[in-house]
Structure formats: C-alpha cells, structure tokens
Amino acid sequence: MFEGYNGWHDQIAERRTLSLLSDLAAGDGYDRELVLAYGRMHKSSDAMERLEKILNKFEARTNAGR
C-alpha cells in the first residue's frame, strides 16, 4: 500500500507495485482478495480502481508466462 500513497497516479508507483507483487508471488504470498481487502481499509475508491487495474495487468503477465 505504501507505493500507492498518492493513489497510484504515476508510472513509478505502478512499476514499483508490479515489482512488489512479483516478489509476493515468488514467495507464494500473492492473494488478490487479500491485497484488495487490505487496500479498501486504507485507500479511496478511486485509488482502488487504479490498484485493480495494476492487479489485472500483473495477473495477465503472470498468466501469460505460464
């Protein structure tokens, strides 16, 4: 959530978030619903929409690599 301190408005935050998601997935710790639930506790609905787009991009990349 730290990378989204400004609501994931820029490419830097998106790249850093994608990198952190990759780290979570590598350690078998990525759970979309858990990430979203935690985010909803701390972020606005607009920020959550942007986070969901990042998660979709991450999952598309991950699934394409399988």
Foldseek 3Di string as FASTA:
>chain_A
DVLCPVLPPDPVSLVVVLVVQVVCVVVVNDDPVVVLVVCVVPDDPSSSVVVVVSVVVSVVVVVVVD
